[in-house]
Amino acid sequence: MKKILYLTDLYYKAKGRNYYEEDIYITGKLKDHFDVVLCNPKNSESYEKDVDLIVFRNTGGVSGFKHIYNSFVERVKTNELKTFNEFTGKADMCGKQYLLDLTLEHYPVIPTIDNINNINLLPKVENYVIKPKDGADSIGLEFLNKNELLERNLIDSNPLIQPAINFKYEVSFYFINDKLEYALYAPNKEERWKLEKYNYNEQDIEFAKKFIKWNGIKNGIQRVDACRTQEGELLLVELEDLNPYLSVLELDEETRDKFIKDLINAFNNII
């Protein structure tokens, strides 16, 4: 059997999600097809050259171990290690700069700036959202009105600034490579991770694939997170291209089995 090094943090605490349950389920399915070793990314170096594929999964926000993560990515490139996801992404893999880039490129994304002097480029709203460029899992996220925003010294911290959108719901589209596997949404926007199956239409697919095409990852799982505005428009919230949580255990059996099958095929195609 081919060997897989599956990187995860089984003890990472995430609001509304149990990472370890998802990873134990997935690796339980993979073990019938591969020799699987689970490892925390902080301890992976000594194993990396002895496996056929490294799978980077639920490790939590890498800002918590940035130096270790950067060293890992450098070894991947220097030693030409096979990884899933491959480290060519332009989205969350590199921080949140892409939200600024996509705004300037007029993609359907929540308008984003990083300079308080450009606030007139955002729509006029009662409240704004600020968050760090290297953030994850809502770490450092704050809601401020315009006066509070202007009173802050944001030049030094240089956070992302967005309008607070009064959306109907959030929806996520899950891809393996460039294939849409399933979509889930949170009917109650106060409960982000209480998800249900989302029946997408052709317009939804076109929206999600626009960002998958822009990012250009050939091998990996991506999650396109969006919000539905009160006017019915979809706007990108985040493009998770590093280690997106998959909510696999929330899926119906048929969808889950199909996803696992496609994941195994994707691994075999790389190896």
Protein backbone atom coordinates (compact mmCIF):
# COMPACT_ATOMS: atom_id res chain seq x y z
CA MET A 1 0.00 0.00 0.00
CA LYS A 2 1.04 3.58 -0.62
CA LYS A 3 1.78 5.67 2.46
CA ILE A 4 -0.09 8.83 3.46
CA LEU A 5 0.99 11.30 6.13
CA TYR A 6 -2.24 12.87 7.37
CA LEU A 7 -1.55 16.12 9.20
CA THR A 8 -4.13 17.26 11.73
CA ASP A 9 -4.51 18.62 15.23
CA LEU A 10 -6.95 16.30 16.99
CA TYR A 11 -7.01 18.57 20.04
CA TYR A 12 -7.75 21.83 18.27
CA LYS A 13 -10.86 23.48 19.69
CA ALA A 14 -13.07 25.16 17.11
CA LYS A 15 -16.41 26.77 17.83
CA GLY A 16 -19.27 24.53 16.69
CA ARG A 17 -17.03 21.84 15.21
CA ASN A 18 -15.17 18.73 16.37
CA TYR A 19 -12.18 18.45 14.09
CA TYR A 20 -11.07 15.15 15.53
CA GLU A 21 -14.38 13.42 14.72
CA GLU A 22 -14.12 14.38 11.05
CA ASP A 23 -10.49 13.32 10.77
CA ILE A 24 -11.03 10.00 12.53
CA TYR A 25 -13.92 9.25 10.18
CA ILE A 26 -11.98 10.14 7.02
CA THR A 27 -8.81 8.28 8.00
CA GLY A 28 -10.95 5.29 8.99
CA LYS A 29 -12.13 5.14 5.38
CA LEU A 30 -8.68 5.78 3.92
CA LYS A 31 -6.97 2.95 5.86
CA ASP A 32 -8.57 0.34 3.59
CA HIS A 33 -6.72 1.88 0.64
CA PHE A 34 -3.52 3.39 2.10
CA ASP A 35 -1.14 3.06 5.01
CA VAL A 36 -2.15 6.15 6.99
CA VAL A 37 -0.11 7.92 9.65
CA LEU A 38 -1.76 10.71 11.66
CA CYS A 39 0.58 13.45 12.80
CA ASN A 40 0.44 16.96 14.18
CA PRO A 41 2.01 19.37 11.64
CA LYS A 42 4.43 20.55 14.33
CA ASN A 43 6.05 17.08 14.33
CA SER A 44 5.91 16.10 10.68
CA GLU A 45 9.42 16.78 9.39
CA SER A 46 11.00 13.40 10.21
CA TYR A 47 8.20 11.54 8.38
CA GLU A 48 7.82 13.65 5.26
CA LYS A 49 10.33 11.94 2.98
CA ASP A 50 9.11 8.44 3.88
CA VAL A 51 5.57 8.76 2.50
CA ASP A 52 3.97 8.96 -0.93
CA LEU A 53 1.61 11.82 -0.13
CA ILE A 54 1.15 14.42 2.63
CA VAL A 55 -2.45 15.42 3.33
CA PHE A 56 -2.82 18.76 5.11
CA ARG A 57 -6.14 18.75 6.93
CA ASN A 58 -7.75 20.11 10.12
CA THR A 59 -4.78 21.82 11.73
CA GLY A 60 -6.59 24.97 12.85
CA GLY A 61 -5.41 28.45 11.97
CA VAL A 62 -1.74 28.35 10.95
CA SER A 63 -1.18 31.82 12.43
CA GLY A 64 -0.80 29.94 15.72
CA PHE A 65 2.34 28.18 14.42
CA LYS A 66 3.35 30.46 11.57
CA HIS A 67 7.11 29.80 11.69
CA ILE A 68 6.58 26.03 11.70
CA TYR A 69 4.05 26.28 8.86
CA ASN A 70 6.34 28.45 6.72
CA SER A 71 9.22 26.01 7.26
CA PHE A 72 6.95 23.13 6.27
CA VAL A 73 5.87 24.85 3.03
CA GLU A 74 9.51 25.62 2.24
CA ARG A 75 10.43 21.91 2.65
CA VAL A 76 7.52 20.91 0.44
CA LYS A 77 8.82 23.13 -2.36
CA THR A 78 12.53 22.40 -1.85
CA ASN A 79 12.09 18.62 -1.61
CA GLU A 80 9.29 18.49 -4.21
CA LEU A 81 6.99 16.67 -1.80
CA LYS A 82 3.58 15.59 -3.03
CA THR A 83 0.86 17.28 -1.01
CA PHE A 84 -2.90 17.58 -0.93
CA ASN A 85 -3.72 20.43 -0.96
CA GLU A 86 -0.89 21.51 -3.21
CA PHE A 87 0.65 24.76 -2.01
CA THR A 88 -0.07 26.94 -5.04
CA GLY A 89 -3.23 28.66 -3.81
CA LYS A 90 -3.76 32.43 -3.76
CA ALA A 91 -6.55 32.53 -1.16
CA ASP A 92 -6.54 31.67 2.59
CA MET A 93 -3.29 29.78 2.03
CA CYS A 94 -1.63 33.18 1.75
CA GLY A 95 -3.73 35.15 4.24
CA LYS A 96 -6.62 37.49 3.38
CA GLN A 97 -4.93 39.73 0.82
CA TYR A 98 -6.98 38.04 -1.91
CA LEU A 99 -10.16 39.72 -0.61
CA LEU A 100 -8.58 43.07 -1.45
CA ASP A 101 -7.40 41.81 -4.82
CA LEU A 102 -10.78 40.37 -5.75
CA THR A 103 -12.50 43.60 -4.71
CA LEU A 104 -10.28 45.57 -7.09
CA GLU A 105 -10.90 43.00 -9.82
CA HIS A 106 -14.67 43.46 -9.38
CA TYR A 107 -15.45 39.88 -8.38
CA PRO A 108 -18.69 39.25 -6.43
CA VAL A 109 -17.02 39.51 -3.03
CA ILE A 110 -17.82 41.45 0.14
CA PRO A 111 -16.09 44.79 -0.56
CA THR A 112 -12.82 44.92 1.35
CA ILE A 113 -10.22 47.60 2.08
CA ASP A 114 -7.20 47.74 4.40
CA ASN A 115 -6.76 51.50 4.67
CA ILE A 116 -9.17 53.64 6.68
CA ASN A 117 -8.56 56.48 4.23
CA ASN A 118 -10.37 54.43 1.58
CA ILE A 119 -13.56 53.99 3.58
CA ASN A 120 -15.51 55.92 0.95
CA LEU A 121 -14.92 52.97 -1.37
CA LEU A 122 -17.22 50.86 0.83
CA PRO A 123 -21.01 51.13 0.83
CA LYS A 124 -22.49 53.32 3.59
CA VAL A 125 -23.62 51.03 6.42
CA GLU A 126 -24.29 51.32 10.15
CA ASN A 127 -21.51 48.92 11.16
CA TYR A 128 -18.25 47.63 9.81
CA VAL A 129 -16.25 44.46 10.35
CA ILE A 130 -12.51 44.50 11.00
CA LYS A 131 -10.32 41.38 11.11
CA PRO A 132 -6.61 40.58 10.80
CA LYS A 133 -5.20 39.66 7.41
CA ASP A 134 -3.79 36.38 8.73
CA GLY A 135 -6.82 35.50 10.84
CA ALA A 136 -8.94 32.35 10.91
CA ASP A 137 -11.98 31.03 12.79
CA SER A 138 -13.17 34.62 13.47
CA ILE A 139 -10.09 35.28 15.62
CA GLY A 140 -9.70 39.05 16.08
CA LEU A 141 -13.00 39.88 14.37
CA GLU A 142 -14.80 43.00 15.64
CA PHE A 143 -17.94 44.97 14.72
CA LEU A 144 -17.59 48.77 14.89
CA ASN A 145 -19.70 51.72 13.83
CA LYS A 146 -18.11 54.45 11.70
CA ASN A 147 -17.17 56.69 14.62
CA GLU A 148 -15.55 53.79 16.48
CA LEU A 149 -13.76 52.82 13.31
CA LEU A 150 -12.38 56.33 12.77
CA GLU A 151 -11.28 56.58 16.41
CA ARG A 152 -9.16 53.44 16.17
CA ASN A 153 -5.51 53.66 15.18
CA LEU A 154 -5.79 51.19 12.32
CA ILE A 155 -2.83 52.40 10.29
CA ASP A 156 -0.33 50.31 12.28
CA SER A 157 -2.44 47.14 12.59
CA ASN A 158 -3.61 47.41 8.98
CA PRO A 159 -6.63 45.06 9.32
CA LEU A 160 -9.20 44.21 6.70
CA ILE A 161 -12.23 46.50 6.80
CA GLN A 162 -15.58 45.39 5.38
CA PRO A 163 -19.20 46.54 5.59
CA ALA A 164 -21.31 44.42 7.95
CA ILE A 165 -23.69 42.68 5.54
CA ASN A 166 -27.27 41.97 6.67
CA PHE A 167 -27.34 38.66 4.83
CA LYS A 168 -30.11 36.05 4.67
CA TYR A 169 -27.84 33.04 5.22
CA GLU A 170 -24.35 31.67 4.64
CA VAL A 171 -23.69 28.86 2.18
CA SER A 172 -20.58 26.80 1.43
CA PHE A 173 -19.64 24.97 -1.76
CA TYR A 174 -17.18 22.08 -1.38
CA PHE A 175 -14.84 21.08 -4.21
CA ILE A 176 -12.34 18.30 -4.82
CA ASN A 177 -10.01 19.74 -7.44
CA ASP A 178 -12.43 21.54 -9.79
CA LYS A 179 -15.43 19.28 -9.15
CA LEU A 180 -18.30 20.48 -6.96
CA GLU A 181 -19.08 17.71 -4.48
CA TYR A 182 -21.86 19.21 -2.34
CA ALA A 183 -23.12 22.41 -0.76
CA LEU A 184 -24.34 23.13 2.77
CA TYR A 185 -25.95 26.19 4.28
CA ALA A 186 -26.92 27.62 7.65
CA PRO A 187 -30.62 28.60 7.52
CA ASN A 188 -30.22 30.35 10.88
CA LYS A 189 -27.42 32.88 10.47
CA GLU A 190 -26.88 32.92 14.24
CA GLU A 191 -25.80 29.25 14.08
CA ARG A 192 -23.03 29.16 11.45
CA TRP A 193 -22.19 25.49 11.90
CA LYS A 194 -25.71 24.07 12.14
CA LEU A 195 -25.78 23.06 8.51
CA GLU A 196 -28.28 21.56 6.12
CA LYS A 197 -28.06 20.36 2.53
CA TYR A 198 -28.24 23.21 0.03
CA ASN A 199 -29.90 22.57 -3.33
CA TYR A 200 -27.85 24.76 -5.65
CA ASN A 201 -28.82 25.94 -9.13
CA GLU A 202 -26.75 26.72 -12.23
CA GLN A 203 -26.19 30.32 -11.15
CA ASP A 204 -24.83 29.13 -7.81
CA ILE A 205 -22.45 26.73 -9.55
CA GLU A 206 -21.26 29.47 -11.88
CA PHE A 207 -20.62 31.74 -8.90
CA ALA A 208 -18.59 29.15 -6.97
CA LYS A 209 -16.59 27.91 -9.96
CA LYS A 210 -15.55 31.46 -10.76
CA PHE A 211 -13.36 31.46 -7.65
CA ILE A 212 -12.10 27.91 -8.14
CA LYS A 213 -10.95 28.88 -11.64
CA TRP A 214 -9.36 32.08 -10.34
CA ASN A 215 -7.37 30.16 -7.72
CA GLY A 216 -6.07 27.53 -10.12
CA ILE A 217 -5.39 24.68 -7.65
CA LYS A 218 -5.21 21.36 -9.50
CA ASN A 219 -5.01 19.05 -6.48
CA GLY A 220 -6.86 19.91 -3.31
CA ILE A 221 -10.10 20.51 -1.44
CA GLN A 222 -11.53 24.01 -1.48
CA ARG A 223 -14.53 25.51 0.27
CA VAL A 224 -16.18 28.56 -1.23
CA ASP A 225 -17.96 30.41 1.60
CA ALA A 226 -20.58 32.94 0.54
CA CYS A 227 -23.49 34.91 1.93
CA ARG A 228 -26.86 35.53 0.30
CA THR A 229 -27.78 39.21 0.56
CA GLN A 230 -31.29 40.49 1.17
CA GLU A 231 -31.36 41.37 -2.54
CA GLY A 232 -30.61 37.74 -3.46
CA GLU A 233 -26.99 38.21 -4.57
CA LEU A 234 -24.21 35.82 -3.56
CA LEU A 235 -21.02 37.44 -2.25
CA LEU A 236 -17.79 35.65 -1.38
CA VAL A 237 -16.95 35.62 2.33
CA GLU A 238 -13.85 33.42 2.18
CA LEU A 239 -12.12 30.98 -0.13
CA GLU A 240 -10.72 28.24 2.10
CA ASP A 241 -7.95 26.61 0.08
CA LEU A 242 -5.63 25.36 2.82
CA ASN A 243 -7.45 23.14 5.32
CA PRO A 244 -11.20 23.70 5.04
CA TYR A 245 -13.44 21.94 7.53
CA LEU A 246 -15.71 19.68 5.47
CA SER A 247 -18.70 18.93 7.74
CA VAL A 248 -18.54 15.40 6.35
CA LEU A 249 -20.47 13.93 9.26
CA GLU A 250 -23.38 16.27 8.50
CA LEU A 251 -23.86 14.75 5.03
CA ASP A 252 -26.32 12.08 4.01
CA GLU A 253 -24.73 8.66 3.50
CA GLU A 254 -24.87 8.70 -0.29
CA THR A 255 -23.19 12.12 -0.58
CA ARG A 256 -20.58 11.21 2.04
CA ASP A 257 -19.69 7.91 0.33
CA LYS A 258 -19.36 9.65 -3.03
CA PHE A 259 -17.11 12.30 -1.52
CA ILE A 260 -14.81 9.70 0.08
CA LYS A 261 -14.64 7.77 -3.20
CA ASP A 262 -13.67 10.90 -5.12
CA LEU A 263 -11.11 11.80 -2.46
CA ILE A 264 -9.45 8.38 -2.72
CA ASN A 265 -9.37 8.70 -6.52
CA ALA A 266 -7.81 12.17 -6.21
CA PHE A 267 -5.08 10.79 -3.93
CA ASN A 268 -4.36 7.90 -6.29
CA ASN A 269 -4.10 10.26 -9.26
CA ILE A 270 -1.38 12.24 -7.50
CA ILE A 271 0.54 9.19 -6.26
